[in-house]
Amino acid sequence: MAGRTLAEWLAYQERIHPRSMDFTLERIQAVLGRLGLLRPRARVITVGGTNGKGSVTAYLDAVLRAAGARVGLYTSPHLSRYTERIRIDGREIDEAQLLAAFERVEAARGAVTLTFFEYATAAALAAFAVEPLDFLVLEVGLGGRLDAVNALDADAAVVASVAFDHMEYLGTTLEAIGREKAGIFRAGRPAIFGSRSMPASVAEEAARRGAPLEQLGRDFDFERTATGFDWWRGSERLAGLPAPGLPGPVQLTNAATALAVLAAGGWLPAAGAVAAGLAATRLPGRFERHAGAVDWLFDVAHNPAAATALADAMREAPPRGRWILLAGILADKDAAAIGHALAPALRADDVVCALTLDGERGRPAAALAAILAPILARSPVLAGSVTAGCEYAARVARPGDAVLVFGSFHTVGPAREWHRLYSAGLS
């Protein structure tokens, strides 16, 4: 396999296992065992949940590094480059390091086949193992109990939220989904739940596993202030913290949750490092704003709960002119519920454009528009691709308008790349 390009490696990984999703821990644990990676030297923090897990991982990484810790960060999916998934001490892994990790995994796996995500997880852990790291912050891909990340025993685990998504794999009720998410908890290790509304199954699973569970609103909380927020957990209190670096009201919840898991693990830094880390946190695709005469914003919200948070952010930061929404939503997502969540944030003159997403899970613009039209009380413009939608928005936007691209990583990734070229005069 030596000498293969990154593209060749990724194509190879897509086809070595007969199914793209095959939830079990046996294969990944076997390969990690051969590599000696099942018990990392670094502390392991596992982050799951339906929404908010990407933001919580970003806050954990930024706060720990602001305190001088060296952190390995593993997230998914990526927006533009596969190497975005693996960061070492704040730096995106370079291709040479990544290819070397792939080669180590390939040499160890023998006849064991791995899914694409399992291979990525093993490669991330292999890359981390050759670095002197203090913490590994690992984002669950899907679910929790049988996700490849759960092959490791976490020193602390957090479930950011439980909402409806991936029901074909996780179950059709919040109780079923919550039980799967709580599968990342470990006996005697801190377990954090980052929402005020918690399915009973989460507490039941924590108790069954012997994990001490803490919940937002019961064991830790925050209060918004004019310049940021105050946070507390029992007698611990951090007052006068700055607004988090990620925009939107929901980010106070995510930041407070990240601080809770650090405090529960005994790793909460001094107030200065906490403030610096929170303020410096960045995460592409979470109400990400590129300001100009016309603002461009990107948000990967792709389920009803995430769309509700997006609507809150829209209401808190409205443009001087119109919203121009570019919506690209996969066929296996609940576009109607997403539309209902966003409808209260729209004004009479706002514009909606439905985008075609191609591929096995794609949805044509016309099909999406048929769902959204009666809910949003307007006829969406149709665009045959993400690029076509971006070009349309660039043509019709007036100074003071804001273009908001949302609905999927498959929508936001290409749109961000188009905007990068457009801003540079190359599109």
Protein backbone atom coordinates (compact mmCIF):
# COMPACT_ATOMS: atom_id res chain seq x y z
CA MET A 1 0.00 0.00 0.00
CA ALA A 2 3.01 2.30 0.37
CA GLY A 3 3.09 5.05 -2.25
CA ARG A 4 -0.68 5.45 -2.55
CA THR A 5 -2.09 8.96 -2.58
CA LEU A 6 -4.63 10.10 -0.03
CA ALA A 7 -7.41 9.84 -2.62
CA GLU A 8 -6.37 6.26 -3.43
CA TRP A 9 -6.30 5.33 0.25
CA LEU A 10 -9.79 6.74 0.84
CA ALA A 11 -11.22 4.95 -2.19
CA TYR A 12 -9.64 1.72 -0.93
CA GLN A 13 -11.14 2.17 2.55
CA GLU A 14 -14.59 2.69 1.05
CA ARG A 15 -14.59 -0.79 -0.45
CA ILE A 16 -12.73 -3.13 1.95
CA HIS A 17 -15.81 -3.78 4.14
CA PRO A 18 -19.02 -5.05 2.52
CA ARG A 19 -21.22 -2.47 4.29
CA SER A 20 -20.69 1.26 4.80
CA MET A 21 -22.23 1.04 8.28
CA ASP A 22 -21.84 -2.09 10.41
CA PHE A 23 -22.17 -1.34 14.10
CA THR A 24 -20.08 -3.60 16.31
CA LEU A 25 -16.95 -3.03 18.38
CA GLU A 26 -15.27 -6.38 17.77
CA ARG A 27 -13.43 -5.45 14.57
CA ILE A 28 -12.12 -2.08 15.67
CA GLN A 29 -11.09 -3.43 19.09
CA ALA A 30 -9.22 -6.29 17.46
CA VAL A 31 -7.21 -3.92 15.26
CA LEU A 32 -6.59 -1.41 18.06
CA GLY A 33 -5.46 -4.28 20.27
CA ARG A 34 -2.88 -5.38 17.71
CA LEU A 35 -1.66 -1.79 17.52
CA GLY A 36 -1.48 -1.47 21.31
CA LEU A 37 -3.90 1.47 21.25
CA LEU A 38 -6.76 0.31 23.48
CA ARG A 39 -5.28 2.04 26.55
CA PRO A 40 -3.79 5.38 25.48
CA ARG A 41 -1.34 7.18 27.74
CA ALA A 42 -3.40 10.36 27.40
CA ARG A 43 -6.68 11.02 29.18
CA VAL A 44 -9.67 10.23 26.93
CA ILE A 45 -12.78 12.42 26.75
CA THR A 46 -15.53 11.01 24.54
CA VAL A 47 -18.23 13.38 23.27
CA GLY A 48 -21.54 12.19 21.88
CA GLY A 49 -25.06 13.52 21.39
CA THR A 50 -27.43 14.41 18.58
CA ASN A 51 -26.55 18.11 18.37
CA GLY A 52 -23.84 20.17 20.00
CA LYS A 53 -21.15 17.49 20.15
CA GLY A 54 -18.94 19.22 17.58
CA SER A 55 -19.12 22.48 19.51
CA VAL A 56 -18.42 20.77 22.86
CA THR A 57 -15.35 19.05 21.41
CA ALA A 58 -14.12 22.38 20.05
CA TYR A 59 -14.48 24.08 23.45
CA LEU A 60 -12.74 21.21 25.23
CA ASP A 61 -9.84 21.35 22.80
CA ALA A 62 -9.48 25.13 22.98
CA VAL A 63 -9.74 25.43 26.77
CA LEU A 64 -7.31 22.59 27.45
CA ARG A 65 -4.77 23.99 25.00
CA ALA A 66 -5.14 27.49 26.47
CA ALA A 67 -4.07 25.92 29.78
CA GLY A 68 -0.96 24.42 28.18
CA ALA A 69 -2.18 20.85 27.59
CA ARG A 70 -1.38 19.04 24.35
CA VAL A 71 -4.56 17.67 22.78
CA GLY A 72 -5.39 15.20 20.05
CA LEU A 73 -8.79 16.05 18.52
CA TYR A 74 -10.79 13.65 16.37
CA THR A 75 -14.03 14.82 14.73
CA SER A 76 -16.25 13.89 11.80
CA PRO A 77 -17.35 14.38 9.13
CA HIS A 78 -15.14 16.92 7.39
CA LEU A 79 -16.28 19.89 5.33
CA SER A 80 -13.50 20.35 2.78
CA ARG A 81 -10.51 18.11 3.54
CA TYR A 82 -10.28 14.68 5.13
CA THR A 83 -7.34 15.91 7.22
CA GLU A 84 -9.74 18.24 9.08
CA ARG A 85 -10.83 15.19 11.08
CA ILE A 86 -7.55 14.87 12.98
CA ARG A 87 -5.86 17.74 14.82
CA ILE A 88 -2.75 17.48 16.96
CA ASP A 89 -2.17 20.31 19.43
CA GLY A 90 -4.36 22.62 17.36
CA ARG A 91 -2.78 21.73 14.02
CA GLU A 92 -4.52 19.82 11.25
CA ILE A 93 -2.63 16.62 10.53
CA ASP A 94 -0.49 16.74 7.40
CA GLU A 95 -0.87 14.15 4.68
CA ALA A 96 2.47 12.47 5.35
CA GLN A 97 1.52 11.80 8.98
CA LEU A 98 -1.91 10.57 7.93
CA LEU A 99 -0.59 8.22 5.27
CA ALA A 100 1.90 6.79 7.77
CA ALA A 101 -1.00 6.13 10.15
CA PHE A 102 -2.97 4.42 7.37
CA GLU A 103 0.00 2.15 6.69
CA ARG A 104 0.24 1.16 10.37
CA VAL A 105 -3.46 0.32 10.47
CA GLU A 106 -3.25 -1.67 7.24
CA ALA A 107 -0.28 -3.69 8.49
CA ALA A 108 -2.12 -4.51 11.72
CA ARG A 109 -5.59 -5.35 10.49
CA GLY A 110 -4.71 -8.53 8.55
CA ALA A 111 -7.94 -10.25 7.50
CA VAL A 112 -10.12 -7.97 9.64
CA THR A 113 -12.22 -5.65 7.50
CA LEU A 114 -13.08 -2.16 8.73
CA THR A 115 -15.73 0.31 7.67
CA PHE A 116 -14.61 3.72 6.42
CA PHE A 117 -15.28 5.31 9.82
CA GLU A 118 -13.61 2.49 11.74
CA TYR A 119 -10.51 2.88 9.58
CA ALA A 120 -10.52 6.64 10.19
CA THR A 121 -10.82 6.13 13.94
CA ALA A 122 -7.96 3.63 14.04
CA ALA A 123 -5.78 5.95 11.94
CA ALA A 124 -6.50 8.91 14.24
CA LEU A 125 -5.52 6.91 17.31
CA ALA A 126 -2.40 5.63 15.56
CA ALA A 127 -1.40 9.20 14.71
CA PHE A 128 -2.03 10.36 18.28
CA ALA A 129 0.03 7.49 19.73
CA VAL A 130 3.32 8.83 18.35
CA GLU A 131 2.76 12.28 19.88
CA PRO A 132 3.29 13.33 23.54
CA LEU A 133 -0.34 14.23 24.20
CA ASP A 134 -2.10 14.92 27.50
CA PHE A 135 -5.70 14.50 26.29
CA LEU A 136 -7.60 12.85 23.47
CA VAL A 137 -10.94 14.50 22.69
CA LEU A 138 -12.93 12.09 20.53
CA GLU A 139 -16.24 12.90 18.84
CA VAL A 140 -18.67 10.03 18.37
CA GLY A 141 -19.66 9.52 14.74
CA LEU A 142 -23.16 8.05 15.11
CA GLY A 143 -24.96 6.85 18.20
CA GLY A 144 -22.52 5.89 20.90
CA ARG A 145 -22.77 2.37 22.27
CA LEU A 146 -21.50 0.68 19.09
CA ASP A 147 -19.64 3.60 17.53
CA ALA A 148 -15.96 2.93 16.81
CA VAL A 149 -14.88 5.70 19.19
CA ASN A 150 -16.46 3.72 22.03
CA ALA A 151 -13.81 1.02 21.60
CA LEU A 152 -11.79 3.06 24.12
CA ASP A 153 -12.76 3.42 27.76
CA ALA A 154 -13.29 7.13 28.30
CA ASP A 155 -11.95 8.86 31.41
CA ALA A 156 -14.98 11.15 31.07
CA ALA A 157 -17.90 11.14 28.65
CA VAL A 158 -20.47 13.72 27.66
CA VAL A 159 -23.77 13.43 25.80
CA ALA A 160 -24.52 16.94 24.58
CA SER A 161 -28.19 16.33 23.72
CA VAL A 162 -30.70 13.74 22.56
CA ALA A 163 -33.01 14.49 19.65
CA PHE A 164 -34.47 12.74 16.63
CA ASP A 165 -31.89 11.84 13.98
CA HIS A 166 -30.53 8.62 12.42
CA MET A 167 -33.65 6.83 13.63
CA GLU A 168 -33.11 3.97 11.20
CA TYR A 169 -30.06 3.00 13.27
CA LEU A 170 -30.75 4.31 16.78
CA GLY A 171 -34.48 3.80 17.31
CA THR A 172 -37.68 5.74 16.80
CA THR A 173 -38.13 7.16 20.31
CA LEU A 174 -36.03 9.56 22.36
CA GLU A 175 -35.75 6.87 25.03
CA ALA A 176 -34.21 4.42 22.56
CA ILE A 177 -31.89 7.05 21.12
CA GLY A 178 -30.88 8.19 24.60
CA ARG A 179 -29.96 4.66 25.62
CA GLU A 180 -27.68 4.30 22.59
CA LYS A 181 -26.04 7.69 23.26
CA ALA A 182 -25.43 6.84 26.93
CA GLY A 183 -23.53 3.72 25.89
CA ILE A 184 -20.32 5.78 26.03
CA PHE A 185 -20.52 6.11 29.86
CA ARG A 186 -18.12 4.08 32.00
CA ALA A 187 -18.25 2.83 35.57
CA GLY A 188 -16.82 5.28 38.07
CA ARG A 189 -16.01 7.83 35.36
CA PRO A 190 -17.73 11.24 35.02
CA ALA A 191 -20.81 11.26 32.78
CA ILE A 192 -22.19 14.64 31.71
CA PHE A 193 -25.53 15.41 30.03
CA GLY A 194 -25.65 18.84 28.42
CA SER A 195 -29.37 19.54 28.10
CA ARG A 196 -32.16 20.46 30.51
CA SER A 197 -34.44 17.84 28.97
CA MET A 198 -33.11 14.31 29.44
CA PRO A 199 -34.72 10.98 28.48
CA ALA A 200 -35.11 8.69 31.47
CA SER A 201 -33.09 6.07 29.60
CA VAL A 202 -29.94 8.20 29.91
CA ALA A 203 -30.11 8.17 33.71
CA GLU A 204 -31.06 4.49 33.70
CA GLU A 205 -28.10 3.58 31.52
CA ALA A 206 -25.71 5.67 33.62
CA ALA A 207 -26.94 3.93 36.77
CA ARG A 208 -26.69 0.50 35.16
CA ARG A 209 -23.11 1.20 34.17
CA GLY A 210 -22.18 2.77 37.50
CA ALA A 211 -21.32 6.14 35.95
CA PRO A 212 -21.85 9.26 38.13
CA LEU A 213 -24.20 11.40 36.02
CA GLU A 214 -24.39 15.20 36.09
CA GLN A 215 -27.02 17.18 34.15
CA LEU A 216 -27.31 20.79 33.03
CA GLY A 217 -29.79 22.63 35.23
CA ARG A 218 -29.45 20.17 38.09
CA ASP A 219 -25.74 19.75 38.81
CA PHE A 220 -24.24 22.62 36.81
CA ASP A 221 -25.65 25.68 35.10
CA PHE A 222 -24.95 29.12 33.65
CA GLU A 223 -26.47 32.56 33.44
CA ARG A 224 -26.08 34.91 30.52
CA THR A 225 -24.63 38.34 31.25
CA ALA A 226 -24.25 41.52 29.21
CA THR A 227 -20.75 40.53 28.10
CA GLY A 228 -20.78 36.74 28.36
CA PHE A 229 -21.92 34.36 31.10
CA ASP A 230 -21.39 33.09 34.64
CA TRP A 231 -20.97 29.34 35.21
CA TRP A 232 -21.21 27.17 38.30
CA ARG A 233 -21.08 23.56 39.43
CA GLY A 234 -21.83 23.08 43.09
CA SER A 235 -19.46 25.40 44.97
CA GLU A 236 -17.30 25.95 41.88
CA ARG A 237 -18.06 29.21 40.13
CA LEU A 238 -16.54 31.13 37.23
CA ALA A 239 -18.02 34.62 36.91
CA GLY A 240 -17.56 37.10 34.11
CA LEU A 241 -16.62 34.61 31.40
CA PRO A 242 -16.56 36.07 27.87
CA ALA A 243 -19.05 35.17 25.19
CA PRO A 244 -17.96 31.92 23.51
CA GLY A 245 -16.18 32.19 20.20
CA LEU A 246 -18.99 30.31 18.43
CA PRO A 247 -22.11 32.44 17.75
CA GLY A 248 -25.70 31.67 18.68
CA PRO A 249 -27.60 31.32 21.98
CA VAL A 250 -27.13 27.54 22.10
CA GLN A 251 -23.37 28.01 22.40
CA LEU A 252 -23.65 29.08 26.02
CA THR A 253 -25.15 25.65 26.72
CA ASN A 254 -22.37 23.89 24.82
CA ALA A 255 -19.63 25.91 26.52
CA ALA A 256 -21.13 25.28 29.97
CA THR A 257 -21.27 21.57 29.20
CA ALA A 258 -17.61 21.49 28.19
CA LEU A 259 -16.63 23.20 31.45
CA ALA A 260 -18.69 20.67 33.42
CA VAL A 261 -16.86 17.69 31.97
CA LEU A 262 -13.50 19.31 32.72
CA ALA A 263 -14.57 20.10 36.27
CA ALA A 264 -15.96 16.61 36.85
CA GLY A 265 -12.69 15.09 35.67
CA GLY A 266 -10.61 17.39 37.86
CA TRP A 267 -9.10 19.14 34.84
CA LEU A 268 -10.78 22.57 34.92
CA PRO A 269 -8.05 25.17 34.34
CA ALA A 270 -7.73 28.57 36.00
CA ALA A 271 -10.29 31.21 35.02
CA GLY A 272 -7.87 33.02 32.71
CA ALA A 273 -7.21 29.92 30.60
CA VAL A 274 -10.93 29.10 30.51
CA ALA A 275 -11.77 32.60 29.28
CA ALA A 276 -9.01 32.59 26.68
CA GLY A 277 -9.97 29.15 25.38
CA LEU A 278 -13.68 29.90 25.13
CA ALA A 279 -13.11 33.19 23.31
CA ALA A 280 -10.65 31.60 20.88
CA THR A 281 -12.87 28.64 19.92
CA ARG A 282 -13.65 28.35 16.22
CA LEU A 283 -15.60 25.68 14.36
CA PRO A 284 -16.49 25.86 10.66
CA GLY A 285 -20.12 25.39 9.71
CA ARG A 286 -21.75 26.45 12.99
CA PHE A 287 -23.47 29.75 12.16
CA GLU A 288 -20.12 30.66 10.62
CA ARG A 289 -20.24 34.24 9.37
CA HIS A 290 -18.16 35.86 6.62
CA ALA A 291 -18.96 39.56 6.89
CA GLY A 292 -19.11 41.91 3.92
CA ALA A 293 -21.52 44.12 2.04
CA VAL A 294 -23.48 40.87 1.86
CA ASP A 295 -22.83 38.51 4.75
CA TRP A 296 -22.46 34.80 4.04
CA LEU A 297 -23.26 32.32 6.80
CA PHE A 298 -22.87 28.55 6.88
CA ASP A 299 -24.58 26.11 9.25
CA VAL A 300 -24.69 22.32 9.02
CA ALA A 301 -28.04 22.05 10.87
CA HIS A 302 -29.71 18.93 9.46
CA ASN A 303 -32.35 17.87 11.98
CA PRO A 304 -35.27 19.64 13.68
CA ALA A 305 -33.50 20.38 16.97
CA ALA A 306 -30.49 21.86 15.18
CA ALA A 307 -32.82 23.91 12.97
CA THR A 308 -34.50 25.31 16.10
CA ALA A 309 -31.10 26.44 17.39
CA LEU A 310 -30.37 27.93 13.96
CA ALA A 311 -33.65 29.86 14.04
CA ASP A 312 -32.73 31.25 17.46
CA ALA A 313 -29.38 32.42 16.08
CA MET A 314 -31.11 34.02 13.09
CA ARG A 315 -33.48 35.97 15.33
CA GLU A 316 -30.61 37.12 17.56
CA ALA A 317 -28.49 38.39 14.65
CA PRO A 318 -30.83 39.52 11.85
CA PRO A 319 -29.42 41.22 8.74
CA ARG A 320 -30.20 44.82 7.83
CA GLY A 321 -31.77 43.48 4.65
CA ARG A 322 -33.18 40.08 3.75
CA TRP A 323 -32.27 36.54 4.57
CA ILE A 324 -31.49 34.54 1.43
CA LEU A 325 -31.65 30.91 2.51
CA LEU A 326 -29.93 28.22 0.45
CA ALA A 327 -31.38 24.91 1.66
CA GLY A 328 -29.87 21.53 0.76
CA ILE A 329 -31.30 18.64 2.82
CA LEU A 330 -30.67 14.94 2.26
CA ALA A 331 -33.58 12.64 1.48
CA ASP A 332 -33.27 10.71 4.75
CA LYS A 333 -33.67 13.88 6.85
CA ASP A 334 -36.97 15.34 8.04
CA ALA A 335 -37.19 18.39 5.79
CA ALA A 336 -40.73 19.21 6.91
CA ALA A 337 -39.78 19.39 10.58
CA ILE A 338 -36.71 21.46 9.69
CA GLY A 339 -38.94 23.84 7.75
CA HIS A 340 -41.37 24.19 10.66
CA ALA A 341 -38.45 25.01 12.99
CA LEU A 342 -37.15 27.74 10.69
CA ALA A 343 -40.48 29.28 9.65
CA PRO A 344 -40.86 31.59 12.70
CA ALA A 345 -37.46 33.17 11.97
CA LEU A 346 -38.37 34.25 8.42
CA ARG A 347 -39.81 37.61 7.40
CA ALA A 348 -42.12 38.40 4.49
CA ASP A 349 -39.42 39.51 2.05
CA ASP A 350 -36.90 36.75 2.82
CA VAL A 351 -35.94 34.44 -0.06
CA VAL A 352 -35.56 30.65 -0.02
CA CYS A 353 -33.69 28.64 -2.64
CA ALA A 354 -33.88 24.83 -2.67
CA LEU A 355 -30.70 23.04 -3.77
CA THR A 356 -30.33 19.67 -5.44
CA LEU A 357 -28.05 17.26 -3.55
CA ASP A 358 -26.85 14.35 -5.66
CA GLY A 359 -25.83 10.86 -4.61
CA GLU A 360 -27.54 7.87 -3.06
CA ARG A 361 -29.02 9.97 -0.21
CA GLY A 362 -29.59 13.07 -2.32
CA ARG A 363 -32.82 14.98 -2.81
CA PRO A 364 -33.77 17.03 -5.91
CA ALA A 365 -34.49 20.72 -5.46
CA ALA A 366 -38.06 20.31 -6.73
CA ALA A 367 -38.83 17.62 -4.14
CA LEU A 368 -37.42 19.77 -1.33
CA ALA A 369 -39.30 22.85 -2.56
CA ALA A 370 -42.59 20.91 -2.60
CA ILE A 371 -42.09 20.12 1.10
CA LEU A 372 -40.97 23.59 2.16
CA ALA A 373 -43.39 25.76 0.12
CA PRO A 374 -46.54 25.28 2.24
CA ILE A 375 -44.57 25.43 5.50
CA LEU A 376 -42.62 28.59 4.69
CA ALA A 377 -45.51 30.22 2.80
CA ARG A 378 -43.42 30.97 -0.28
CA SER A 379 -42.30 29.20 -3.44
CA PRO A 380 -38.60 28.42 -3.21
CA VAL A 381 -36.34 29.12 -6.16
CA LEU A 382 -34.89 25.90 -7.60
CA ALA A 383 -31.15 25.34 -8.11
CA GLY A 384 -29.71 22.23 -9.73
CA SER A 385 -26.64 22.14 -7.47
CA VAL A 386 -25.01 23.83 -4.49
CA THR A 387 -22.85 25.84 -6.86
CA ALA A 388 -25.87 27.00 -8.86
CA GLY A 389 -27.59 28.11 -5.68
CA CYS A 390 -24.55 30.09 -4.56
CA GLU A 391 -24.33 31.77 -7.97
CA TYR A 392 -28.02 32.67 -7.77
CA ALA A 393 -27.60 34.20 -4.30
CA ALA A 394 -24.58 36.21 -5.41
CA ARG A 395 -26.63 37.65 -8.30
CA VAL A 396 -29.71 38.67 -6.35
CA ALA A 397 -28.24 39.71 -2.99
CA ARG A 398 -28.27 43.42 -2.18
CA PRO A 399 -26.04 45.25 0.33
CA GLY A 400 -27.31 44.45 3.81
CA ASP A 401 -28.65 41.03 2.86
CA ALA A 402 -27.32 37.83 4.43
CA VAL A 403 -27.00 34.53 2.58
CA LEU A 404 -27.44 31.54 4.88
CA VAL A 405 -26.41 28.12 3.53
CA PHE A 406 -27.67 25.22 5.65
CA GLY A 407 -29.03 21.70 5.77
CA SER A 408 -26.10 19.28 5.57
CA PHE A 409 -22.34 18.87 5.62
CA HIS A 410 -22.87 17.93 1.95
CA THR A 411 -24.33 21.40 1.37
CA VAL A 412 -22.07 23.55 3.53
CA GLY A 413 -18.76 21.99 2.46
CA PRO A 414 -19.11 22.75 -1.27
CA ALA A 415 -20.70 26.14 -0.55
CA ARG A 416 -17.81 27.22 1.67
CA GLU A 417 -15.35 26.23 -1.04
CA TRP A 418 -17.36 28.13 -3.68
CA HIS A 419 -17.45 31.19 -1.43
CA ARG A 420 -13.70 31.00 -0.84
CA LEU A 421 -13.05 31.09 -4.58
CA TYR A 422 -15.73 33.73 -5.15
CA SER A 423 -14.23 36.00 -2.49
CA ALA A 424 -10.81 35.58 -4.07
CA GLY A 425 -12.19 36.49 -7.49
CA LEU A 426 -11.58 32.98 -8.80
CA SER A 427 -15.18 31.82 -9.21
